[in-house]
Amino acid sequence: YELDDDIVINRYDMLESMHRMLYDQSDIPTHI
């Protein structure tokens, strides 16, 4: 959230999803 948005675009959808996953302690399918 401290990155320079006006220079390069941030990834807010990703950040919101990361926040939810940490809060829920949920997992993501792993594909090797």
ModelCIF file with pLDDT and N, C-alpha, C, O atoms, coordinates in Angstrom:
data_MODEL
#
_entry.id   MODEL 
#
_entity.id                         1 
_entity.type                       polymer 
_entity.pdbx_number_of_molecules   1 
#
_entity_poly.entity_id                      1 
_entity_poly.type                           'polypeptide(L)' 
_entity_poly.nstd_linkage                   no 
_entity_poly.nstd_monomer                   no 
_entity_poly.pdbx_seq_one_letter_code       YELDDDIVINRYDMLESMHRMLYDQSDIPTHI 
_entity_poly.pdbx_seq_one_letter_code_can   YELDDDIVINRYDMLESMHRMLYDQSDIPTHI 
_entity_poly.pdbx_strand_id                 A 
#
loop_
_entity_poly_seq.entity_id 
_entity_poly_seq.num 
_entity_poly_seq.mon_id 
_entity_poly_seq.hetero 
1 1  TYR n 
1 2  GLU n 
1 3  LEU n 
1 4  ASP n 
1 5  ASP n 
1 6  ASP n 
1 7  ILE n 
1 8  VAL n 
1 9  ILE n 
1 10 ASN n 
1 11 ARG n 
1 12 TYR n 
1 13 ASP n 
1 14 MET n 
1 15 LEU n 
1 16 GLU n 
1 17 SER n 
1 18 MET n 
1 19 HIS n 
1 20 ARG n 
1 21 MET n 
1 22 LEU n 
1 23 TYR n 
1 24 ASP n 
1 25 GLN n 
1 26 SER n 
1 27 ASP n 
1 28 ILE n 
1 29 PRO n 
1 30 THR n 
1 31 HIS n 
1 32 ILE n 
#
_struct_asym.id          A 
_struct_asym.entity_id   1 
#
loop_
_ma_qa_metric.id 
_ma_qa_metric.mode 
_ma_qa_metric.name 
_ma_qa_metric.software_group_id 
_ma_qa_metric.type 
1 global pLDDT . pLDDT 
2 local  pLDDT . pLDDT 
#
_ma_qa_metric_global.metric_id      1 
_ma_qa_metric_global.metric_value   85.69 
_ma_qa_metric_global.model_id       1 
_ma_qa_metric_global.ordinal_id     1 
#
loop_
_ma_qa_metric_local.label_asym_id 
_ma_qa_metric_local.label_comp_id 
_ma_qa_metric_local.label_seq_id 
_ma_qa_metric_local.metric_id 
_ma_qa_metric_local.metric_value 
_ma_qa_metric_local.model_id 
_ma_qa_metric_local.ordinal_id 
A TYR 1  2 84.00 1 1  
A GLU 2  2 83.00 1 2  
A LEU 3  2 87.00 1 3  
A ASP 4  2 80.00 1 4  
A ASP 5  2 74.00 1 5  
A ASP 6  2 69.00 1 6  
A ILE 7  2 70.00 1 7  
A VAL 8  2 77.00 1 8  
A ILE 9  2 82.00 1 9  
A ASN 10 2 82.00 1 10 
A ARG 11 2 88.00 1 11 
A TYR 12 2 87.00 1 12 
A ASP 13 2 91.00 1 13 
A MET 14 2 93.00 1 14 
A LEU 15 2 91.00 1 15 
A GLU 16 2 92.00 1 16 
A SER 17 2 93.00 1 17 
A MET 18 2 93.00 1 18 
A HIS 19 2 92.00 1 19 
A ARG 20 2 92.00 1 20 
A MET 21 2 90.00 1 21 
A LEU 22 2 91.00 1 22 
A TYR 23 2 87.00 1 23 
A ASP 24 2 86.00 1 24 
A GLN 25 2 81.00 1 25 
A SER 26 2 82.00 1 26 
A ASP 27 2 82.00 1 27 
A ILE 28 2 84.00 1 28 
A PRO 29 2 85.00 1 29 
A THR 30 2 87.00 1 30 
A HIS 31 2 92.00 1 31 
A ILE 32 2 95.00 1 32 
#
loop_
_atom_site.group_PDB 
_atom_site.id 
_atom_site.type_symbol 
_atom_site.label_atom_id 
_atom_site.label_alt_id 
_atom_site.label_comp_id 
_atom_site.label_asym_id 
_atom_site.label_entity_id 
_atom_site.label_seq_id 
_atom_site.pdbx_PDB_ins_code 
_atom_site.Cartn_x 
_atom_site.Cartn_y 
_atom_site.Cartn_z 
_atom_site.occupancy 
_atom_site.B_iso_or_equiv 
_atom_site.pdbx_formal_charge 
_atom_site.auth_seq_id 
_atom_site.auth_comp_id 
_atom_site.auth_asym_id 
_atom_site.auth_atom_id 
_atom_site.pdbx_PDB_model_num 
ATOM 1   N N  . TYR A 1 1  ? 0.819  -1.213  0.000   1.00 84.00 ? 1  TYR A N  1 
ATOM 2   C CA . TYR A 1 1  ? 0.000  0.000   0.000   1.00 84.00 ? 1  TYR A CA 1 
ATOM 3   C C  . TYR A 1 1  ? 0.852  1.263   0.000   1.00 84.00 ? 1  TYR A C  1 
ATOM 4   O O  . TYR A 1 1  ? 0.331  2.363   -0.184  1.00 84.00 ? 1  TYR A O  1 
ATOM 5   N N  . GLU A 1 2  ? 2.151  1.113   0.204   1.00 83.00 ? 2  GLU A N  1 
ATOM 6   C CA . GLU A 1 2  ? 3.050  2.274   0.171   1.00 83.00 ? 2  GLU A CA 1 
ATOM 7   C C  . GLU A 1 2  ? 3.653  2.501   -1.212  1.00 83.00 ? 2  GLU A C  1 
ATOM 8   O O  . GLU A 1 2  ? 4.412  3.450   -1.405  1.00 83.00 ? 2  GLU A O  1 
ATOM 9   N N  . LEU A 1 3  ? 3.321  1.632   -2.183  1.00 87.00 ? 3  LEU A N  1 
ATOM 10  C CA . LEU A 1 3  ? 3.888  1.779   -3.515  1.00 87.00 ? 3  LEU A CA 1 
ATOM 11  C C  . LEU A 1 3  ? 3.317  3.003   -4.222  1.00 87.00 ? 3  LEU A C  1 
ATOM 12  O O  . LEU A 1 3  ? 2.251  3.501   -3.861  1.00 87.00 ? 3  LEU A O  1 
ATOM 13  N N  . ASP A 1 4  ? 4.039  3.479   -5.232  1.00 80.00 ? 4  ASP A N  1 
ATOM 14  C CA . ASP A 1 4  ? 3.652  4.694   -5.953  1.00 80.00 ? 4  ASP A CA 1 
ATOM 15  C C  . ASP A 1 4  ? 2.610  4.352   -7.014  1.00 80.00 ? 4  ASP A C  1 
ATOM 16  O O  . ASP A 1 4  ? 2.965  3.962   -8.126  1.00 80.00 ? 4  ASP A O  1 
ATOM 17  N N  . ASP A 1 5  ? 1.326  4.494   -6.678  1.00 74.00 ? 5  ASP A N  1 
ATOM 18  C CA . ASP A 1 5  ? 0.264  4.179   -7.636  1.00 74.00 ? 5  ASP A CA 1 
ATOM 19  C C  . ASP A 1 5  ? 0.296  5.073   -8.858  1.00 74.00 ? 5  ASP A C  1 
ATOM 20  O O  . ASP A 1 5  ? -0.052 4.640   -9.957  1.00 74.00 ? 5  ASP A O  1 
ATOM 21  N N  . ASP A 1 6  ? 0.711  6.316   -8.676  1.00 69.00 ? 6  ASP A N  1 
ATOM 22  C CA . ASP A 1 6  ? 0.666  7.262   -9.784  1.00 69.00 ? 6  ASP A CA 1 
ATOM 23  C C  . ASP A 1 6  ? 1.742  6.952   -10.819 1.00 69.00 ? 6  ASP A C  1 
ATOM 24  O O  . ASP A 1 6  ? 1.706  7.477   -11.932 1.00 69.00 ? 6  ASP A O  1 
ATOM 25  N N  . ILE A 1 7  ? 2.697  6.104   -10.456 1.00 70.00 ? 7  ILE A N  1 
ATOM 26  C CA . ILE A 1 7  ? 3.774  5.753   -11.388 1.00 70.00 ? 7  ILE A CA 1 
ATOM 27  C C  . ILE A 1 7  ? 3.484  4.417   -12.065 1.00 70.00 ? 7  ILE A C  1 
ATOM 28  O O  . ILE A 1 7  ? 3.519  4.308   -13.291 1.00 70.00 ? 7  ILE A O  1 
ATOM 29  N N  . VAL A 1 8  ? 3.198  3.406   -11.250 1.00 77.00 ? 8  VAL A N  1 
ATOM 30  C CA . VAL A 1 8  ? 2.905  2.066   -11.766 1.00 77.00 ? 8  VAL A CA 1 
ATOM 31  C C  . VAL A 1 8  ? 1.666  1.556   -11.039 1.00 77.00 ? 8  VAL A C  1 
ATOM 32  O O  . VAL A 1 8  ? 1.511  1.787   -9.840  1.00 77.00 ? 8  VAL A O  1 
ATOM 33  N N  . ILE A 1 9  ? 0.795  0.874   -11.748 1.00 82.00 ? 9  ILE A N  1 
ATOM 34  C CA . ILE A 1 9  ? -0.496 0.465   -11.207 1.00 82.00 ? 9  ILE A CA 1 
ATOM 35  C C  . ILE A 1 9  ? -0.328 -0.614  -10.132 1.00 82.00 ? 9  ILE A C  1 
ATOM 36  O O  . ILE A 1 9  ? 0.449  -1.554  -10.300 1.00 82.00 ? 9  ILE A O  1 
ATOM 37  N N  . ASN A 1 10 ? -1.060 -0.466  -9.039  1.00 82.00 ? 10 ASN A N  1 
ATOM 38  C CA . ASN A 1 10 ? -1.061 -1.476  -7.985  1.00 82.00 ? 10 ASN A CA 1 
ATOM 39  C C  . ASN A 1 10 ? -2.089 -2.556  -8.299  1.00 82.00 ? 10 ASN A C  1 
ATOM 40  O O  . ASN A 1 10 ? -2.867 -2.428  -9.243  1.00 82.00 ? 10 ASN A O  1 
ATOM 41  N N  . ARG A 1 11 ? -2.085 -3.616  -7.502  1.00 88.00 ? 11 ARG A N  1 
ATOM 42  C CA . ARG A 1 11 ? -2.939 -4.785  -7.739  1.00 88.00 ? 11 ARG A CA 1 
ATOM 43  C C  . ARG A 1 11 ? -3.927 -4.919  -6.577  1.00 88.00 ? 11 ARG A C  1 
ATOM 44  O O  . ARG A 1 11 ? -3.771 -5.800  -5.732  1.00 88.00 ? 11 ARG A O  1 
ATOM 45  N N  . TYR A 1 12 ? -4.939 -4.055  -6.532  1.00 87.00 ? 12 TYR A N  1 
ATOM 46  C CA . TYR A 1 12 ? -5.805 -4.002  -5.356  1.00 87.00 ? 12 TYR A CA 1 
ATOM 47  C C  . TYR A 1 12 ? -6.702 -5.228  -5.214  1.00 87.00 ? 12 TYR A C  1 
ATOM 48  O O  . TYR A 1 12 ? -6.988 -5.643  -4.091  1.00 87.00 ? 12 TYR A O  1 
ATOM 49  N N  . ASP A 1 13 ? -7.149 -5.811  -6.308  1.00 91.00 ? 13 ASP A N  1 
ATOM 50  C CA . ASP A 1 13 ? -7.943 -7.042  -6.205  1.00 91.00 ? 13 ASP A CA 1 
ATOM 51  C C  . ASP A 1 13 ? -7.136 -8.157  -5.554  1.00 91.00 ? 13 ASP A C  1 
ATOM 52  O O  . ASP A 1 13 ? -7.654 -8.918  -4.736  1.00 91.00 ? 13 ASP A O  1 
ATOM 53  N N  . MET A 1 14 ? -5.870 -8.244  -5.922  1.00 93.00 ? 14 MET A N  1 
ATOM 54  C CA . MET A 1 14 ? -4.994 -9.256  -5.331  1.00 93.00 ? 14 MET A CA 1 
ATOM 55  C C  . MET A 1 14 ? -4.804 -8.991  -3.837  1.00 93.00 ? 14 MET A C  1 
ATOM 56  O O  . MET A 1 14 ? -4.862 -9.918  -3.030  1.00 93.00 ? 14 MET A O  1 
ATOM 57  N N  . LEU A 1 15 ? -4.579 -7.732  -3.471  1.00 91.00 ? 15 LEU A N  1 
ATOM 58  C CA . LEU A 1 15 ? -4.347 -7.405  -2.068  1.00 91.00 ? 15 LEU A CA 1 
ATOM 59  C C  . LEU A 1 15 ? -5.573 -7.714  -1.216  1.00 91.00 ? 15 LEU A C  1 
ATOM 60  O O  . LEU A 1 15 ? -5.443 -8.221  -0.102  1.00 91.00 ? 15 LEU A O  1 
ATOM 61  N N  . GLU A 1 16 ? -6.745 -7.416  -1.729  1.00 92.00 ? 16 GLU A N  1 
ATOM 62  C CA . GLU A 1 16 ? -7.967 -7.734  -0.987  1.00 92.00 ? 16 GLU A CA 1 
ATOM 63  C C  . GLU A 1 16 ? -8.129 -9.240  -0.802  1.00 92.00 ? 16 GLU A C  1 
ATOM 64  O O  . GLU A 1 16 ? -8.537 -9.697  0.266   1.00 92.00 ? 16 GLU A O  1 
ATOM 65  N N  . SER A 1 17 ? -7.810 -10.006 -1.837  1.00 93.00 ? 17 SER A N  1 
ATOM 66  C CA . SER A 1 17 ? -7.907 -11.467 -1.736  1.00 93.00 ? 17 SER A CA 1 
ATOM 67  C C  . SER A 1 17 ? -6.894 -12.015 -0.736  1.00 93.00 ? 17 SER A C  1 
ATOM 68  O O  . SER A 1 17 ? -7.209 -12.930 0.025   1.00 93.00 ? 17 SER A O  1 
ATOM 69  N N  . MET A 1 18 ? -5.683 -11.465 -0.731  1.00 93.00 ? 18 MET A N  1 
ATOM 70  C CA . MET A 1 18 ? -4.678 -11.902 0.242   1.00 93.00 ? 18 MET A CA 1 
ATOM 71  C C  . MET A 1 18 ? -5.151 -11.617 1.663   1.00 93.00 ? 18 MET A C  1 
ATOM 72  O O  . MET A 1 18 ? -4.994 -12.447 2.558   1.00 93.00 ? 18 MET A O  1 
ATOM 73  N N  . HIS A 1 19 ? -5.729 -10.444 1.857   1.00 92.00 ? 19 HIS A N  1 
ATOM 74  C CA . HIS A 1 19 ? -6.223 -10.082 3.189   1.00 92.00 ? 19 HIS A CA 1 
ATOM 75  C C  . HIS A 1 19 ? -7.296 -11.067 3.646   1.00 92.00 ? 19 HIS A C  1 
ATOM 76  O O  . HIS A 1 19 ? -7.275 -11.507 4.796   1.00 92.00 ? 19 HIS A O  1 
ATOM 77  N N  . ARG A 1 20 ? -8.228 -11.419 2.768   1.00 92.00 ? 20 ARG A N  1 
ATOM 78  C CA . ARG A 1 20 ? -9.297 -12.367 3.121   1.00 92.00 ? 20 ARG A CA 1 
ATOM 79  C C  . ARG A 1 20 ? -8.720 -13.735 3.456   1.00 92.00 ? 20 ARG A C  1 
ATOM 80  O O  . ARG A 1 20 ? -9.156 -14.376 4.412   1.00 92.00 ? 20 ARG A O  1 
ATOM 81  N N  . MET A 1 21 ? -7.737 -14.186 2.672   1.00 90.00 ? 21 MET A N  1 
ATOM 82  C CA . MET A 1 21 ? -7.184 -15.515 2.906   1.00 90.00 ? 21 MET A CA 1 
ATOM 83  C C  . MET A 1 21 ? -6.428 -15.594 4.222   1.00 90.00 ? 21 MET A C  1 
ATOM 84  O O  . MET A 1 21 ? -6.477 -16.616 4.907   1.00 90.00 ? 21 MET A O  1 
ATOM 85  N N  . LEU A 1 22 ? -5.727 -14.518 4.583   1.00 91.00 ? 22 LEU A N  1 
ATOM 86  C CA . LEU A 1 22 ? -5.049 -14.503 5.878   1.00 91.00 ? 22 LEU A CA 1 
ATOM 87  C C  . LEU A 1 22 ? -6.063 -14.494 7.015   1.00 91.00 ? 22 LEU A C  1 
ATOM 88  O O  . LEU A 1 22 ? -5.879 -15.164 8.031   1.00 91.00 ? 22 LEU A O  1 
ATOM 89  N N  . TYR A 1 23 ? -7.123 -13.736 6.835   1.00 87.00 ? 23 TYR A N  1 
ATOM 90  C CA . TYR A 1 23 ? -8.152 -13.646 7.883   1.00 87.00 ? 23 TYR A CA 1 
ATOM 91  C C  . TYR A 1 23 ? -8.846 -14.986 8.064   1.00 87.00 ? 23 TYR A C  1 
ATOM 92  O O  . TYR A 1 23 ? -9.103 -15.410 9.191   1.00 87.00 ? 23 TYR A O  1 
ATOM 93  N N  . ASP A 1 24 ? -9.151 -15.657 6.946   1.00 86.00 ? 24 ASP A N  1 
ATOM 94  C CA . ASP A 1 24 ? -9.866 -16.940 7.004   1.00 86.00 ? 24 ASP A CA 1 
ATOM 95  C C  . ASP A 1 24 ? -8.932 -18.121 7.216   1.00 86.00 ? 24 ASP A C  1 
ATOM 96  O O  . ASP A 1 24 ? -9.383 -19.228 7.511   1.00 86.00 ? 24 ASP A O  1 
ATOM 97  N N  . GLN A 1 25 ? -7.597 -17.885 7.064   1.00 81.00 ? 25 GLN A N  1 
ATOM 98  C CA . GLN A 1 25 ? -6.609 -18.969 7.087   1.00 81.00 ? 25 GLN A CA 1 
ATOM 99  C C  . GLN A 1 25 ? -6.972 -20.053 6.079   1.00 81.00 ? 25 GLN A C  1 
ATOM 100 O O  . GLN A 1 25 ? -6.862 -21.247 6.359   1.00 81.00 ? 25 GLN A O  1 
ATOM 101 N N  . SER A 1 26 ? -7.406 -19.610 4.900   1.00 82.00 ? 26 SER A N  1 
ATOM 102 C CA . SER A 1 26 ? -7.820 -20.550 3.855   1.00 82.00 ? 26 SER A CA 1 
ATOM 103 C C  . SER A 1 26 ? -6.651 -20.871 2.930   1.00 82.00 ? 26 SER A C  1 
ATOM 104 O O  . SER A 1 26 ? -5.608 -20.217 2.970   1.00 82.00 ? 26 SER A O  1 
ATOM 105 N N  . ASP A 1 27 ? -6.845 -21.884 2.101   1.00 82.00 ? 27 ASP A N  1 
ATOM 106 C CA . ASP A 1 27 ? -5.794 -22.379 1.230   1.00 82.00 ? 27 ASP A CA 1 
ATOM 107 C C  . ASP A 1 27 ? -6.131 -22.116 -0.233  1.00 82.00 ? 27 ASP A C  1 
ATOM 108 O O  . ASP A 1 27 ? -7.280 -21.845 -0.584  1.00 82.00 ? 27 ASP A O  1 
ATOM 109 N N  . ILE A 1 28 ? -5.109 -22.201 -1.073  1.00 84.00 ? 28 ILE A N  1 
ATOM 110 C CA . ILE A 1 28 ? -5.254 -22.086 -2.519  1.00 84.00 ? 28 ILE A CA 1 
ATOM 111 C C  . ILE A 1 28 ? -4.795 -23.402 -3.133  1.00 84.00 ? 28 ILE A C  1 
ATOM 112 O O  . ILE A 1 28 ? -3.777 -23.950 -2.711  1.00 84.00 ? 28 ILE A O  1 
ATOM 113 N N  . PRO A 1 29 ? -5.525 -23.923 -4.125  1.00 85.00 ? 29 PRO A N  1 
ATOM 114 C CA . PRO A 1 29 ? -5.049 -25.152 -4.788  1.00 85.00 ? 29 PRO A CA 1 
ATOM 115 C C  . PRO A 1 29 ? -3.647 -24.956 -5.358  1.00 85.00 ? 29 PRO A C  1 
ATOM 116 O O  . PRO A 1 29 ? -3.332 -23.914 -5.931  1.00 85.00 ? 29 PRO A O  1 
ATOM 117 N N  . THR A 1 30 ? -2.817 -25.978 -5.189  1.00 87.00 ? 30 THR A N  1 
ATOM 118 C CA . THR A 1 30 ? -1.438 -25.940 -5.668  1.00 87.00 ? 30 THR A CA 1 
ATOM 119 C C  . THR A 1 30 ? -1.314 -26.782 -6.931  1.00 87.00 ? 30 THR A C  1 
ATOM 120 O O  . THR A 1 30 ? -1.772 -27.923 -6.974  1.00 87.00 ? 30 THR A O  1 
ATOM 121 N N  . HIS A 1 31 ? -0.690 -26.208 -7.961  1.00 92.00 ? 31 HIS A N  1 
ATOM 122 C CA . HIS A 1 31 ? -0.521 -26.900 -9.235  1.00 92.00 ? 31 HIS A CA 1 
ATOM 123 C C  . HIS A 1 31 ? 0.961  -26.935 -9.576  1.00 92.00 ? 31 HIS A C  1 
ATOM 124 O O  . HIS A 1 31 ? 1.556  -25.905 -9.894  1.00 92.00 ? 31 HIS A O  1 
ATOM 125 N N  . ILE A 1 32 ? 1.551  -28.115 -9.511  1.00 95.00 ? 32 ILE A N  1 
ATOM 126 C CA . ILE A 1 32 ? 2.984  -28.281 -9.761  1.00 95.00 ? 32 ILE A CA 1 
ATOM 127 C C  . ILE A 1 32 ? 3.204  -28.684 -11.218 1.00 95.00 ? 32 ILE A C  1 
ATOM 128 O O  . ILE A 1 32 ? 4.345  -28.875 -11.641 1.00 95.00 ? 32 ILE A O  1 
#
